[in-house]
Every structure is written in C-alpha cells, then in structure tokens.
Amino acid sequence: MNKRTHRALQESILKWGLIAKGEMPDMGSDNCSLCIEFLDLEAAICGGCPVAESAGLIGCRNTPYMAWIAEVEKRHDGCWEGEDAVADTLKLVKLALAERDFLRSLVPMKAGVTR
C-alpha cells in the first residue's frame, strides 16, 4: 500500500471513530478520504481503493457500511441527507464501530506495527 492510500485509509478509520463518538456525521463520499482519493463518479469506479479491492465491488458494497446505510435510511423514510447520518442510537454506534473495525482490518501489518 502506498503512502497516499495508507493516509486516506487512516483518515477514514478516524472518521468512523468520530462518527461512533457522535462527533461527526457521515456525509457519504463527501467526507470519506478514500472516496475523495479514489471515487470516479462519472465512470462509477473506485480504482485503487482498498475497500473496493477487499469487497470486490464499488461503493462499499459487501462491507459494514451497507448495514449503516440501511439503518439510516429506515430512520429517514428511505431517504437521507449526509448531514443527518449521525450515530445517535446504540445500534448506529455499533454499526459505525463495525465500519471502523472493517477499515482497520485493511491496514497492512508491518513488523512491530499494530493496527
């Protein structure tokens, strides 16, 4: 993993930790360092994103993020704005932590370095 990708991954891990603490909303790709770095909306690809490579699909499919979206959409009648996607229930906190932990699992292990 190159430094640029590693930095974006670490920033995304931090984002989900802050979401779980209620200190930041999820605004989808607008405040995701990985999406900012890798998402090409016109081409609908996430080339080089470690999440897309791990999941085998674009858009964070096959990741805990999909459960987060489903729960947020339930609370907003199937439609949500990123500013409203906050972890203000125990279930949403757990889903945010699951996404954070999933992202942590993508950090390559190096000798003497822990996740």
C-alpha atoms as a PDB file:
ATOM      1  CA  MET A   1       0.000   0.000   0.000  1.00  0.00           C
ATOM      2  CA  ASN A   2       1.446   3.352  -0.969  1.00  0.00           C
ATOM      3  CA  LYS A   3       1.587   6.335   1.381  1.00  0.00           C
ATOM      4  CA  ARG A   4      -1.313   8.145  -0.280  1.00  0.00           C
ATOM      5  CA  THR A   5      -3.613   5.150   0.103  1.00  0.00           C
ATOM      6  CA  HIS A   6      -2.426   4.494   3.649  1.00  0.00           C
ATOM      7  CA  ARG A   7      -3.118   8.117   4.630  1.00  0.00           C
ATOM      8  CA  ALA A   8      -6.633   8.025   3.138  1.00  0.00           C
ATOM      9  CA  LEU A   9      -7.357   4.740   4.910  1.00  0.00           C
ATOM     10  CA  GLN A  10      -6.149   6.103   8.258  1.00  0.00           C
ATOM     11  CA  GLU A  11      -8.275   9.229   7.809  1.00  0.00           C
ATOM     12  CA  SER A  12     -11.314   7.062   7.043  1.00  0.00           C
ATOM     13  CA  ILE A  13     -10.685   4.988  10.162  1.00  0.00           C
ATOM     14  CA  LEU A  14     -10.547   8.215  12.168  1.00  0.00           C
ATOM     15  CA  LYS A  15     -13.789   9.414  10.533  1.00  0.00           C
ATOM     16  CA  TRP A  16     -15.679   6.312  11.670  1.00  0.00           C
ATOM     17  CA  GLY A  17     -14.261   6.564  15.169  1.00  0.00           C
ATOM     18  CA  LEU A  18     -15.544  10.144  15.348  1.00  0.00           C
ATOM     19  CA  ILE A  19     -18.917   9.106  13.947  1.00  0.00           C
ATOM     20  CA  ALA A  20     -19.193   6.406  16.622  1.00  0.00           C
ATOM     21  CA  LYS A  21     -18.464   9.042  19.296  1.00  0.00           C
ATOM     22  CA  GLY A  22     -21.138  11.322  17.868  1.00  0.00           C
ATOM     23  CA  GLU A  23     -18.556  13.942  16.927  1.00  0.00           C
ATOM     24  CA  MET A  24     -19.019  13.824  13.146  1.00  0.00           C
ATOM     25  CA  PRO A  25     -21.810  12.968  10.714  1.00  0.00           C
ATOM     26  CA  ASP A  26     -21.422  10.579   7.832  1.00  0.00           C
ATOM     27  CA  MET A  27     -21.797  12.588   4.658  1.00  0.00           C
ATOM     28  CA  GLY A  28     -21.098   9.640   2.395  1.00  0.00           C
ATOM     29  CA  SER A  29     -18.384  10.192  -0.163  1.00  0.00           C
ATOM     30  CA  ASP A  30     -18.246  13.919   0.660  1.00  0.00           C
ATOM     31  CA  ASN A  31     -16.312  13.306   3.879  1.00  0.00           C
ATOM     32  CA  CYS A  32     -14.644   9.996   3.095  1.00  0.00           C
ATOM     33  CA  SER A  33     -10.933  10.349   2.388  1.00  0.00           C
ATOM     34  CA  LEU A  34     -10.921   7.082   0.437  1.00  0.00           C
ATOM     35  CA  CYS A  35     -13.783   8.228  -1.789  1.00  0.00           C
ATOM     36  CA  ILE A  36     -12.176  11.628  -2.274  1.00  0.00           C
ATOM     37  CA  GLU A  37      -8.977   9.885  -3.327  1.00  0.00           C
ATOM     38  CA  PHE A  38     -10.361   7.049  -5.458  1.00  0.00           C
ATOM     39  CA  LEU A  39     -14.000   7.510  -6.461  1.00  0.00           C
ATOM     40  CA  ASP A  40     -14.683   8.496 -10.052  1.00  0.00           C
ATOM     41  CA  LEU A  41     -18.409   9.223 -10.107  1.00  0.00           C
ATOM     42  CA  GLU A  42     -18.603   9.640 -13.881  1.00  0.00           C
ATOM     43  CA  ALA A  43     -17.044   6.238 -14.512  1.00  0.00           C
ATOM     44  CA  ALA A  44     -18.645   4.685 -11.399  1.00  0.00           C
ATOM     45  CA  ILE A  45     -15.354   3.137 -10.313  1.00  0.00           C
ATOM     46  CA  CYS A  46     -13.253   3.145  -7.168  1.00  0.00           C
ATOM     47  CA  GLY A  47      -9.978   2.124  -8.793  1.00  0.00           C
ATOM     48  CA  GLY A  48      -7.237   1.518  -6.265  1.00  0.00           C
ATOM     49  CA  CYS A  49      -9.462   1.859  -3.201  1.00  0.00           C
ATOM     50  CA  PRO A  50      -8.576  -0.808  -0.630  1.00  0.00           C
ATOM     51  CA  VAL A  51     -12.258  -1.126   0.336  1.00  0.00           C
ATOM     52  CA  ALA A  52     -13.353  -1.833  -3.231  1.00  0.00           C
ATOM     53  CA  GLU A  53     -10.445  -4.247  -3.687  1.00  0.00           C
ATOM     54  CA  SER A  54     -11.303  -6.103  -0.477  1.00  0.00           C
ATOM     55  CA  ALA A  55     -15.054  -6.204  -1.107  1.00  0.00           C
ATOM     56  CA  GLY A  56     -14.723  -6.905  -4.820  1.00  0.00           C
ATOM     57  CA  LEU A  57     -17.355  -4.269  -5.594  1.00  0.00           C
ATOM     58  CA  ILE A  58     -17.555  -0.488  -5.835  1.00  0.00           C
ATOM     59  CA  GLY A  59     -19.483   1.753  -3.499  1.00  0.00           C
ATOM     60  CA  CYS A  60     -18.532  -0.050  -0.275  1.00  0.00           C
ATOM     61  CA  ARG A  61     -20.820  -2.939  -1.115  1.00  0.00           C
ATOM     62  CA  ASN A  62     -20.118  -6.132   0.851  1.00  0.00           C
ATOM     63  CA  THR A  63     -18.918  -4.024   3.788  1.00  0.00           C
ATOM     64  CA  PRO A  64     -20.466  -2.976   7.118  1.00  0.00           C
ATOM     65  CA  TYR A  65     -21.257   0.391   5.522  1.00  0.00           C
ATOM     66  CA  MET A  66     -24.281  -1.135   3.807  1.00  0.00           C
ATOM     67  CA  ALA A  67     -25.867  -2.001   7.182  1.00  0.00           C
ATOM     68  CA  TRP A  68     -25.167   1.573   8.327  1.00  0.00           C
ATOM     69  CA  ILE A  69     -26.918   2.979   5.248  1.00  0.00           C
ATOM     70  CA  ALA A  70     -29.884   0.640   5.688  1.00  0.00           C
ATOM     71  CA  GLU A  71     -30.368   1.720   9.308  1.00  0.00           C
ATOM     72  CA  VAL A  72     -30.016   5.411   8.491  1.00  0.00           C
ATOM     73  CA  GLU A  73     -32.491   5.099   5.618  1.00  0.00           C
ATOM     74  CA  LYS A  74     -35.009   3.359   7.904  1.00  0.00           C
ATOM     75  CA  ARG A  75     -34.918   6.374  10.175  1.00  0.00           C
ATOM     76  CA  HIS A  76     -35.447   8.787   7.297  1.00  0.00           C
ATOM     77  CA  ASP A  77     -38.174   7.009   5.320  1.00  0.00           C
ATOM     78  CA  GLY A  78     -35.744   5.651   2.739  1.00  0.00           C
ATOM     79  CA  CYS A  79     -34.098   8.998   2.033  1.00  0.00           C
ATOM     80  CA  TRP A  80     -31.248  10.577   3.928  1.00  0.00           C
ATOM     81  CA  GLU A  81     -29.005  13.592   3.705  1.00  0.00           C
ATOM     82  CA  GLY A  82     -25.439  13.089   4.873  1.00  0.00           C
ATOM     83  CA  GLU A  83     -25.748  15.821   7.488  1.00  0.00           C
ATOM     84  CA  ASP A  84     -28.422  13.731   9.220  1.00  0.00           C
ATOM     85  CA  ALA A  85     -26.422  10.485   9.285  1.00  0.00           C
ATOM     86  CA  VAL A  86     -25.246  10.568  12.872  1.00  0.00           C
ATOM     87  CA  ALA A  87     -24.683   7.764  15.353  1.00  0.00           C
ATOM     88  CA  ASP A  88     -27.289   8.800  17.883  1.00  0.00           C
ATOM     89  CA  THR A  89     -28.517   5.335  18.853  1.00  0.00           C
ATOM     90  CA  LEU A  90     -26.688   2.332  20.256  1.00  0.00           C
ATOM     91  CA  LYS A  91     -27.357   0.407  17.048  1.00  0.00           C
ATOM     92  CA  LEU A  92     -25.823   3.157  14.901  1.00  0.00           C
ATOM     93  CA  VAL A  93     -22.828   3.416  17.226  1.00  0.00           C
ATOM     94  CA  LYS A  94     -22.255  -0.329  16.840  1.00  0.00           C
ATOM     95  CA  LEU A  95     -22.605  -0.068  13.048  1.00  0.00           C
ATOM     96  CA  ALA A  96     -20.139   2.832  12.940  1.00  0.00           C
ATOM     97  CA  LEU A  97     -17.668   0.818  15.018  1.00  0.00           C
ATOM     98  CA  ALA A  98     -18.136  -2.163  12.694  1.00  0.00           C
ATOM     99  CA  GLU A  99     -17.207   0.035   9.726  1.00  0.00           C
ATOM    100  CA  ARG A 100     -14.196   1.417  11.607  1.00  0.00           C
ATOM    101  CA  ASP A 101     -13.057  -2.085  12.510  1.00  0.00           C
ATOM    102  CA  PHE A 102     -13.514  -3.279   8.937  1.00  0.00           C
ATOM    103  CA  LEU A 103     -11.332  -0.417   7.714  1.00  0.00           C
ATOM    104  CA  ARG A 104      -8.738  -1.243  10.380  1.00  0.00           C
ATOM    105  CA  SER A 105      -8.611  -4.787   9.016  1.00  0.00           C
ATOM    106  CA  LEU A 106      -7.406  -3.369   5.687  1.00  0.00           C
ATOM    107  CA  VAL A 107      -4.301  -1.753   7.200  1.00  0.00           C
ATOM    108  CA  PRO A 108      -1.301  -3.854   6.188  1.00  0.00           C
ATOM    109  CA  MET A 109       0.610  -5.383   9.055  1.00  0.00           C
ATOM    110  CA  LYS A 110       4.284  -4.492   9.323  1.00  0.00           C
ATOM    111  CA  ALA A 111       6.836  -5.832  11.757  1.00  0.00           C
ATOM    112  CA  GLY A 112       6.359  -4.056  15.066  1.00  0.00           C
ATOM    113  CA  VAL A 113       3.323  -2.099  13.904  1.00  0.00           C
ATOM    114  CA  THR A 114      -0.120  -2.790  15.249  1.00  0.00           C
ATOM    115  CA  ARG A 115      -3.479  -1.795  13.917  1.00  0.00           C
END
